[in-house]
Amino acid sequence: MEKRYLSTAVILLSFLPLFFSQAVTIDNPLNWDTFEELITAIINGLYTISIVLVPIVIVIAGYFFVTSVGEPEKVNTAKKMILYALIGFLIILMSKGIIAFIKQVLGTP
């Protein structure tokens, strides 16, 4: 008996959006109208943030390197920090090209 009520409730709830589809309108909360504009804005924001953060990370890694006093763990940590910061910055720099390449492969204008 409970299964019948549950299945009836699920069926009725699945048709519920049809009743309200004409009355409810949702405005676009974003400033961008297309997905491409949104991705471009995100990439530009990441680029701006990375221009600030990459030099800070490199300076911190330099501090780790100078204060390591020959400890191999700290030297490796500093090297990894510099490497990862530069790789991340390179990916962010190449992001517009990567997106253009993906668009070309998918055949979108």
C-alpha atoms as a PDB file:
ATOM      1  CA  MET A   1       0.000   0.000   0.000  1.00  0.00           C
ATOM      2  CA  GLU A   2       2.866   2.409   0.838  1.00  0.00           C
ATOM      3  CA  LYS A   3       4.567   1.744  -2.494  1.00  0.00           C
ATOM      4  CA  ARG A   4       1.424   2.799  -4.337  1.00  0.00           C
ATOM      5  CA  TYR A   5       1.289   6.125  -2.478  1.00  0.00           C
ATOM      6  CA  LEU A   6       4.979   6.690  -3.028  1.00  0.00           C
ATOM      7  CA  SER A   7       4.800   5.985  -6.746  1.00  0.00           C
ATOM      8  CA  THR A   8       1.721   8.225  -7.083  1.00  0.00           C
ATOM      9  CA  ALA A   9       3.530  11.043  -5.279  1.00  0.00           C
ATOM     10  CA  VAL A  10       6.584  10.673  -7.502  1.00  0.00           C
ATOM     11  CA  ILE A  11       4.465  10.764 -10.649  1.00  0.00           C
ATOM     12  CA  LEU A  12       2.552  13.830  -9.481  1.00  0.00           C
ATOM     13  CA  LEU A  13       5.729  15.643  -8.465  1.00  0.00           C
ATOM     14  CA  SER A  14       7.311  14.891 -11.823  1.00  0.00           C
ATOM     15  CA  PHE A  15       4.469  16.744 -13.580  1.00  0.00           C
ATOM     16  CA  LEU A  16       4.567  19.671 -11.157  1.00  0.00           C
ATOM     17  CA  PRO A  17       7.046  21.781 -13.197  1.00  0.00           C
ATOM     18  CA  LEU A  18       4.667  21.652 -16.167  1.00  0.00           C
ATOM     19  CA  PHE A  19       2.027  23.521 -14.194  1.00  0.00           C
ATOM     20  CA  PHE A  20       4.363  26.318 -13.158  1.00  0.00           C
ATOM     21  CA  SER A  21       6.409  26.627 -16.329  1.00  0.00           C
ATOM     22  CA  GLN A  22       4.259  29.437 -17.724  1.00  0.00           C
ATOM     23  CA  ALA A  23       3.998  31.487 -14.549  1.00  0.00           C
ATOM     24  CA  VAL A  24       7.585  31.479 -13.285  1.00  0.00           C
ATOM     25  CA  THR A  25      10.379  33.370 -15.004  1.00  0.00           C
ATOM     26  CA  ILE A  26      13.934  33.434 -13.740  1.00  0.00           C
ATOM     27  CA  ASP A  27      16.192  36.302 -14.700  1.00  0.00           C
ATOM     28  CA  ASN A  28      19.796  35.591 -15.616  1.00  0.00           C
ATOM     29  CA  PRO A  29      21.837  36.293 -12.445  1.00  0.00           C
ATOM     30  CA  LEU A  30      25.083  36.427 -14.417  1.00  0.00           C
ATOM     31  CA  ASN A  31      26.420  39.356 -16.390  1.00  0.00           C
ATOM     32  CA  TRP A  32      27.185  37.109 -19.365  1.00  0.00           C
ATOM     33  CA  ASP A  33      24.716  35.796 -21.888  1.00  0.00           C
ATOM     34  CA  THR A  34      26.704  32.895 -23.345  1.00  0.00           C
ATOM     35  CA  PHE A  35      28.833  30.135 -21.927  1.00  0.00           C
ATOM     36  CA  GLU A  36      31.801  31.384 -23.949  1.00  0.00           C
ATOM     37  CA  GLU A  37      31.577  34.841 -22.360  1.00  0.00           C
ATOM     38  CA  LEU A  38      31.449  33.245 -18.910  1.00  0.00           C
ATOM     39  CA  ILE A  39      34.534  31.089 -19.560  1.00  0.00           C
ATOM     40  CA  THR A  40      36.400  34.092 -20.976  1.00  0.00           C
ATOM     41  CA  ALA A  41      35.567  36.121 -17.867  1.00  0.00           C
ATOM     42  CA  ILE A  42      36.746  33.287 -15.601  1.00  0.00           C
ATOM     43  CA  ILE A  43      40.013  32.961 -17.537  1.00  0.00           C
ATOM     44  CA  ASN A  44      40.607  36.714 -17.376  1.00  0.00           C
ATOM     45  CA  GLY A  45      39.982  36.641 -13.614  1.00  0.00           C
ATOM     46  CA  LEU A  46      42.378  33.730 -13.133  1.00  0.00           C
ATOM     47  CA  TYR A  47      44.978  35.526 -15.237  1.00  0.00           C
ATOM     48  CA  THR A  48      44.701  38.643 -13.062  1.00  0.00           C
ATOM     49  CA  ILE A  49      44.936  36.631  -9.847  1.00  0.00           C
ATOM     50  CA  SER A  50      47.892  34.613 -11.131  1.00  0.00           C
ATOM     51  CA  ILE A  51      49.852  37.742 -12.036  1.00  0.00           C
ATOM     52  CA  VAL A  52      49.679  38.664  -8.357  1.00  0.00           C
ATOM     53  CA  LEU A  53      50.108  35.215  -6.796  1.00  0.00           C
ATOM     54  CA  VAL A  54      52.921  33.707  -8.885  1.00  0.00           C
ATOM     55  CA  PRO A  55      55.568  36.253  -7.815  1.00  0.00           C
ATOM     56  CA  ILE A  56      54.452  35.892  -4.191  1.00  0.00           C
ATOM     57  CA  VAL A  57      54.804  32.104  -4.369  1.00  0.00           C
ATOM     58  CA  ILE A  58      58.234  32.439  -5.993  1.00  0.00           C
ATOM     59  CA  VAL A  59      59.372  34.825  -3.246  1.00  0.00           C
ATOM     60  CA  ILE A  60      58.105  32.422  -0.568  1.00  0.00           C
ATOM     61  CA  ALA A  61      59.897  29.547  -2.307  1.00  0.00           C
ATOM     62  CA  GLY A  62      63.053  31.657  -2.403  1.00  0.00           C
ATOM     63  CA  TYR A  63      62.706  32.239   1.333  1.00  0.00           C
ATOM     64  CA  PHE A  64      62.368  28.474   1.873  1.00  0.00           C
ATOM     65  CA  PHE A  65      65.439  27.912  -0.288  1.00  0.00           C
ATOM     66  CA  VAL A  66      67.557  30.488   1.553  1.00  0.00           C
ATOM     67  CA  THR A  67      66.490  29.348   5.022  1.00  0.00           C
ATOM     68  CA  SER A  68      66.816  25.635   4.244  1.00  0.00           C
ATOM     69  CA  VAL A  69      70.387  25.552   5.625  1.00  0.00           C
ATOM     70  CA  GLY A  70      71.111  22.541   3.453  1.00  0.00           C
ATOM     71  CA  GLU A  71      68.093  20.486   4.513  1.00  0.00           C
ATOM     72  CA  PRO A  72      67.113  18.494   1.429  1.00  0.00           C
ATOM     73  CA  GLU A  73      63.401  18.466   2.308  1.00  0.00           C
ATOM     74  CA  LYS A  74      63.152  22.260   2.382  1.00  0.00           C
ATOM     75  CA  VAL A  75      65.209  22.592  -0.793  1.00  0.00           C
ATOM     76  CA  ASN A  76      62.910  20.120  -2.566  1.00  0.00           C
ATOM     77  CA  THR A  77      59.862  21.954  -1.247  1.00  0.00           C
ATOM     78  CA  ALA A  78      61.196  25.244  -2.595  1.00  0.00           C
ATOM     79  CA  LYS A  79      61.991  23.709  -5.986  1.00  0.00           C
ATOM     80  CA  LYS A  80      58.528  22.157  -6.219  1.00  0.00           C
ATOM     81  CA  MET A  81      56.868  25.442  -5.275  1.00  0.00           C
ATOM     82  CA  ILE A  82      58.703  27.290  -8.036  1.00  0.00           C
ATOM     83  CA  LEU A  83      58.047  24.530 -10.559  1.00  0.00           C
ATOM     84  CA  TYR A  84      54.328  24.286  -9.780  1.00  0.00           C
ATOM     85  CA  ALA A  85      53.890  28.061  -9.772  1.00  0.00           C
ATOM     86  CA  LEU A  86      55.520  28.349 -13.194  1.00  0.00           C
ATOM     87  CA  ILE A  87      53.564  25.397 -14.626  1.00  0.00           C
ATOM     88  CA  GLY A  88      50.292  26.846 -13.331  1.00  0.00           C
ATOM     89  CA  PHE A  89      51.122  30.257 -14.742  1.00  0.00           C
ATOM     90  CA  LEU A  90      52.025  28.697 -18.090  1.00  0.00           C
ATOM     91  CA  ILE A  91      48.696  26.848 -18.194  1.00  0.00           C
ATOM     92  CA  ILE A  92      46.818  30.055 -17.408  1.00  0.00           C
ATOM     93  CA  LEU A  93      48.759  31.890 -20.124  1.00  0.00           C
ATOM     94  CA  MET A  94      47.933  29.157 -22.615  1.00  0.00           C
ATOM     95  CA  SER A  95      44.274  28.850 -21.565  1.00  0.00           C
ATOM     96  CA  LYS A  96      42.893  31.074 -24.316  1.00  0.00           C
ATOM     97  CA  GLY A  97      44.830  29.078 -26.881  1.00  0.00           C
ATOM     98  CA  ILE A  98      43.596  25.824 -25.366  1.00  0.00           C
ATOM     99  CA  ILE A  99      40.006  27.044 -25.604  1.00  0.00           C
ATOM    100  CA  ALA A 100      40.515  28.124 -29.226  1.00  0.00           C
ATOM    101  CA  PHE A 101      41.981  24.688 -29.989  1.00  0.00           C
ATOM    102  CA  ILE A 102      39.035  22.893 -28.351  1.00  0.00           C
ATOM    103  CA  LYS A 103      36.595  25.070 -30.296  1.00  0.00           C
ATOM    104  CA  GLN A 104      38.405  24.229 -33.534  1.00  0.00           C
ATOM    105  CA  VAL A 105      38.382  20.498 -32.782  1.00  0.00           C
ATOM    106  CA  LEU A 106      34.674  20.588 -31.944  1.00  0.00           C
ATOM    107  CA  GLY A 107      33.973  22.689 -35.020  1.00  0.00           C
ATOM    108  CA  THR A 108      32.215  25.551 -33.274  1.00  0.00           C
ATOM    109  CA  PRO A 109      32.546  29.096 -34.627  1.00  0.00           C
END
